[in-house]
């Protein structure tokens, strides 16, 4: 739990810098990891000398979700009491997003030829998936209706941590912040449309994770050095 909280605090600080002009301000190192130029995601950090070639299986150890700290307050502003999103509603939604992200990442790695396992082993890469800063623009409120029509379902941030499953050595972290696809103009959000749009966002991240692992295996051991070395 302490480690998870530490990562979340660090991620929040990093993602706060992820606006277009601020991306260059991201730190060059994070723990023992070194920043590398990402092709698609906001930031990627790798362990110098890490060798991803032995990993033929994947263990998704943890999937965590958390709403943006102001989300519940914002979506409840000016809304009558019986229409407010309660903490129980938010928890239910977070659990649904967690289940969706776990399924999407597992399916993507299976499609990429990796066996999904539950136990550590020398050929198992362990993944920790965190979907943070979730912001649903038009949540379904008590009674089953949304309050407004939104341009898109919302946005979220990703932190993906890769570890050796036996030693727990952290080999890399990837971070990104992204919006869901634009909605058809005039179409109200529904519970199903929100769920599907965020699942597509998760799928894009998962697909990129599989591609990234393949590239890392092709270029292992990782040839980066910490600044000043």
Protein backbone atom coordinates (compact mmCIF):
# COMPACT_ATOMS: atom_id res chain seq x y z
CA UNK A 1 0.00 0.00 0.00
CA UNK A 2 2.83 2.43 0.84
CA UNK A 3 4.49 1.70 -2.49
CA UNK A 4 1.20 2.18 -4.37
CA UNK A 5 0.60 5.53 -2.67
CA UNK A 6 4.15 6.64 -3.46
CA UNK A 7 3.67 5.78 -7.12
CA UNK A 8 0.35 7.60 -7.26
CA UNK A 9 1.86 10.76 -5.77
CA UNK A 10 4.73 10.62 -8.26
CA UNK A 11 2.36 9.97 -11.15
CA UNK A 12 0.14 12.88 -10.16
CA UNK A 13 3.16 15.16 -10.12
CA UNK A 14 4.39 13.90 -13.49
CA UNK A 15 1.01 14.11 -15.19
CA UNK A 16 0.57 17.65 -13.92
CA UNK A 17 3.50 18.51 -16.19
CA UNK A 18 2.12 16.72 -19.22
CA UNK A 19 0.64 19.69 -21.02
CA UNK A 20 2.13 20.21 -24.47
CA UNK A 21 4.70 22.89 -23.56
CA UNK A 22 5.46 21.32 -20.19
CA UNK A 23 6.36 17.86 -21.45
CA UNK A 24 10.00 18.90 -21.73
CA UNK A 25 9.97 19.61 -17.98
CA UNK A 26 9.41 15.96 -17.08
CA UNK A 27 12.28 14.67 -14.93
CA UNK A 28 15.06 12.76 -16.68
CA UNK A 29 15.03 10.00 -14.06
CA UNK A 30 12.43 8.38 -11.81
CA UNK A 31 13.78 6.08 -9.13
CA UNK A 32 16.38 4.01 -11.05
CA UNK A 33 14.60 4.49 -14.37
CA UNK A 34 15.69 6.81 -17.16
CA UNK A 35 13.39 8.79 -19.44
CA UNK A 36 13.41 7.76 -23.11
CA UNK A 37 11.74 9.54 -26.01
CA UNK A 38 8.27 8.02 -26.40
CA UNK A 39 6.70 7.38 -29.80
CA UNK A 40 3.07 7.62 -28.72
CA UNK A 41 2.68 7.97 -24.96
CA UNK A 42 3.37 11.02 -22.81
CA UNK A 43 6.38 9.55 -21.02
CA UNK A 44 8.33 6.29 -20.84
CA UNK A 45 10.98 5.39 -18.25
CA UNK A 46 13.22 2.32 -18.56
CA UNK A 47 15.83 0.58 -16.44
CA UNK A 48 19.26 0.77 -18.11
CA UNK A 49 20.39 -2.69 -19.19
CA UNK A 50 16.98 -4.30 -18.68
CA UNK A 51 16.50 -7.40 -20.83
CA UNK A 52 12.90 -8.07 -21.89
CA UNK A 53 13.72 -11.04 -24.13
CA UNK A 54 13.05 -13.82 -21.58
CA UNK A 55 9.44 -12.81 -21.02
CA UNK A 56 6.93 -14.97 -22.87
CA UNK A 57 4.13 -14.75 -20.33
CA UNK A 58 2.37 -11.88 -18.57
CA UNK A 59 0.94 -11.62 -15.08
CA UNK A 60 -1.40 -8.68 -14.51
CA UNK A 61 -0.80 -8.33 -10.81
CA UNK A 62 -2.86 -5.24 -10.06
CA UNK A 63 -5.41 -3.05 -11.78
CA UNK A 64 -6.33 0.14 -9.94
CA UNK A 65 -8.72 2.95 -10.82
CA UNK A 66 -9.27 6.35 -9.25
CA UNK A 67 -11.42 9.30 -10.21
CA UNK A 68 -10.05 12.82 -10.54
CA UNK A 69 -10.02 14.35 -7.07
CA UNK A 70 -12.61 17.02 -8.02
CA UNK A 71 -14.80 14.87 -10.26
CA UNK A 72 -17.60 14.01 -7.84
CA UNK A 73 -17.79 17.59 -6.58
CA UNK A 74 -17.88 19.01 -10.09
CA UNK A 75 -20.52 16.70 -11.52
CA UNK A 76 -22.75 17.24 -8.47
CA UNK A 77 -22.56 21.05 -8.56
CA UNK A 78 -26.04 22.53 -8.95
CA UNK A 79 -27.71 19.11 -8.99
CA UNK A 80 -30.63 18.24 -6.72
CA UNK A 81 -29.88 15.83 -3.88
CA UNK A 82 -31.73 12.87 -5.36
CA UNK A 83 -29.76 13.24 -8.61
CA UNK A 84 -26.27 13.51 -7.11
CA UNK A 85 -23.59 10.90 -7.75
CA UNK A 86 -22.99 9.29 -4.37
CA UNK A 87 -19.76 7.78 -3.12
CA UNK A 88 -21.37 4.37 -3.60
CA UNK A 89 -22.15 5.28 -7.23
CA UNK A 90 -18.56 6.39 -7.76
CA UNK A 91 -17.20 3.20 -6.22
CA UNK A 92 -19.43 1.07 -8.42
CA UNK A 93 -18.28 2.93 -11.53
CA UNK A 94 -14.63 2.65 -10.49
CA UNK A 95 -15.04 -1.10 -10.03
CA UNK A 96 -16.62 -1.41 -13.47
CA UNK A 97 -13.75 0.52 -15.07
CA UNK A 98 -11.27 -1.63 -13.16
CA UNK A 99 -12.83 -4.84 -14.45
CA UNK A 100 -12.95 -3.43 -17.98
CA UNK A 101 -9.28 -2.37 -17.94
CA UNK A 102 -8.18 -5.75 -16.59
CA UNK A 103 -10.07 -7.62 -19.29
CA UNK A 104 -8.87 -5.31 -22.07
CA UNK A 105 -5.19 -5.60 -21.12
CA UNK A 106 -5.39 -9.38 -20.71
CA UNK A 107 -7.12 -9.77 -24.08
CA UNK A 108 -4.57 -7.53 -25.82
CA UNK A 109 -1.60 -9.54 -24.54
CA UNK A 110 -3.33 -12.82 -25.38
CA UNK A 111 -3.90 -11.53 -28.92
CA UNK A 112 -0.22 -10.62 -29.02
CA UNK A 113 0.78 -14.23 -28.33
CA UNK A 114 1.46 -13.96 -24.59
CA UNK A 115 0.08 -16.44 -22.09
CA UNK A 116 -1.70 -14.79 -19.17
CA UNK A 117 -0.68 -16.44 -15.90
CA UNK A 118 -1.29 -15.90 -12.20
CA UNK A 119 2.00 -17.07 -10.67
CA UNK A 120 5.52 -15.59 -10.84
CA UNK A 121 8.20 -17.33 -12.92
CA UNK A 122 11.46 -16.49 -14.67
CA UNK A 123 9.69 -15.96 -18.01
CA UNK A 124 6.79 -13.93 -16.58
CA UNK A 125 6.58 -10.15 -16.87
CA UNK A 126 4.42 -8.63 -14.15
CA UNK A 127 2.28 -5.61 -14.96
CA UNK A 128 0.65 -3.08 -12.68
CA UNK A 129 -2.07 -1.07 -14.46
CA UNK A 130 -3.32 2.18 -12.94
CA UNK A 131 -6.12 4.20 -14.53
CA UNK A 132 -6.03 7.52 -12.69
CA UNK A 133 -7.74 10.92 -12.93
CA UNK A 134 -10.86 9.33 -14.39
CA UNK A 135 -13.32 12.02 -15.42
CA UNK A 136 -16.71 10.99 -16.81
CA UNK A 137 -18.34 14.05 -18.38
CA UNK A 138 -21.96 12.86 -18.36
CA UNK A 139 -22.35 10.09 -15.78
CA UNK A 140 -25.60 8.20 -15.53
CA UNK A 141 -27.34 9.50 -12.42
CA UNK A 142 -29.78 7.84 -10.05
CA UNK A 143 -32.88 7.15 -12.10
CA UNK A 144 -30.88 6.06 -15.14
CA UNK A 145 -30.56 9.37 -16.98
CA UNK A 146 -27.62 11.62 -17.80
CA UNK A 147 -27.69 15.31 -17.03
CA UNK A 148 -26.29 16.55 -20.34
CA UNK A 149 -24.94 15.68 -23.74
CA UNK A 150 -21.13 15.65 -23.81
CA UNK A 151 -18.70 16.08 -26.68
CA UNK A 152 -16.89 12.97 -25.45
CA UNK A 153 -17.24 10.50 -22.60
CA UNK A 154 -14.30 11.95 -20.68
CA UNK A 155 -10.62 11.39 -20.02
CA UNK A 156 -8.20 9.39 -17.91
CA UNK A 157 -4.51 8.95 -17.18
CA UNK A 158 -2.51 5.74 -17.37
CA UNK A 159 0.52 4.55 -15.48
CA UNK A 160 1.77 1.13 -16.50
CA UNK A 161 4.57 -0.44 -14.47
CA UNK A 162 6.49 -3.51 -15.67
CA UNK A 163 8.41 -5.69 -13.21
CA UNK A 164 10.28 -8.95 -13.15
CA UNK A 165 7.76 -11.24 -11.48
CA UNK A 166 10.31 -13.13 -9.37
CA UNK A 167 12.59 -10.33 -8.18
CA UNK A 168 10.04 -7.49 -8.33
CA UNK A 169 12.69 -5.32 -9.99
CA UNK A 170 10.98 -2.43 -11.77
CA UNK A 171 11.98 -2.52 -15.44
CA UNK A 172 9.90 0.32 -16.81
CA UNK A 173 6.98 2.70 -16.42
CA UNK A 174 4.82 4.37 -19.05
CA UNK A 175 2.52 7.33 -18.52
CA UNK A 176 -0.15 8.88 -20.68
CA UNK A 177 -3.19 11.12 -20.47
CA UNK A 178 -5.89 10.95 -23.10
CA UNK A 179 -9.51 11.75 -23.91
CA UNK A 180 -12.02 9.28 -25.23
CA UNK A 181 -13.15 9.45 -28.87
CA UNK A 182 -15.56 12.30 -29.80
CA UNK A 183 -19.22 11.38 -29.60
CA UNK A 184 -21.80 11.83 -32.33
CA UNK A 185 -23.20 15.34 -31.95
CA UNK A 186 -26.61 15.31 -30.31
CA UNK A 187 -26.35 11.78 -28.95
CA UNK A 188 -26.86 11.64 -25.16
CA UNK A 189 -24.44 9.59 -23.11
CA UNK A 190 -25.65 6.32 -21.64
CA UNK A 191 -24.10 3.91 -19.17
CA UNK A 192 -23.30 1.60 -22.10
CA UNK A 193 -21.79 4.35 -24.28
CA UNK A 194 -19.61 5.63 -21.42
CA UNK A 195 -18.44 2.09 -20.70
CA UNK A 196 -17.71 1.36 -24.37
CA UNK A 197 -15.88 4.63 -25.00
CA UNK A 198 -13.59 4.15 -22.01
CA UNK A 199 -13.03 0.51 -23.00
CA UNK A 200 -11.82 1.76 -26.39
CA UNK A 201 -9.45 4.15 -24.63
CA UNK A 202 -8.11 1.28 -22.51
CA UNK A 203 -7.77 -0.88 -25.63
CA UNK A 204 -5.61 1.75 -27.31
CA UNK A 205 -3.29 1.80 -24.31
CA UNK A 206 -3.20 -1.99 -24.10
CA UNK A 207 -2.43 -2.38 -27.79
CA UNK A 208 0.38 0.13 -27.47
CA UNK A 209 1.73 -1.76 -24.44
CA UNK A 210 1.95 -4.98 -26.46
CA UNK A 211 3.71 -3.19 -29.32
CA UNK A 212 6.05 -1.51 -26.89
CA UNK A 213 7.01 -4.81 -25.28
CA UNK A 214 7.78 -6.31 -28.67
CA UNK A 215 10.02 -3.33 -29.51
CA UNK A 216 11.77 -3.63 -26.15
CA UNK A 217 12.43 -7.32 -26.74
CA UNK A 218 13.84 -6.54 -30.17
CA UNK A 219 16.16 -3.90 -28.69
CA UNK A 220 17.20 -5.58 -25.43
CA UNK A 221 19.18 -5.05 -23.37
CA UNK A 222 17.96 -1.47 -22.93
CA UNK A 223 20.65 0.91 -24.11
CA UNK A 224 20.06 4.04 -22.03
CA UNK A 225 22.16 5.70 -19.38
CA UNK A 226 21.27 7.93 -16.48
CA UNK A 227 22.38 11.56 -16.95
CA UNK A 228 26.00 12.12 -15.92
CA UNK A 229 27.07 8.51 -16.43
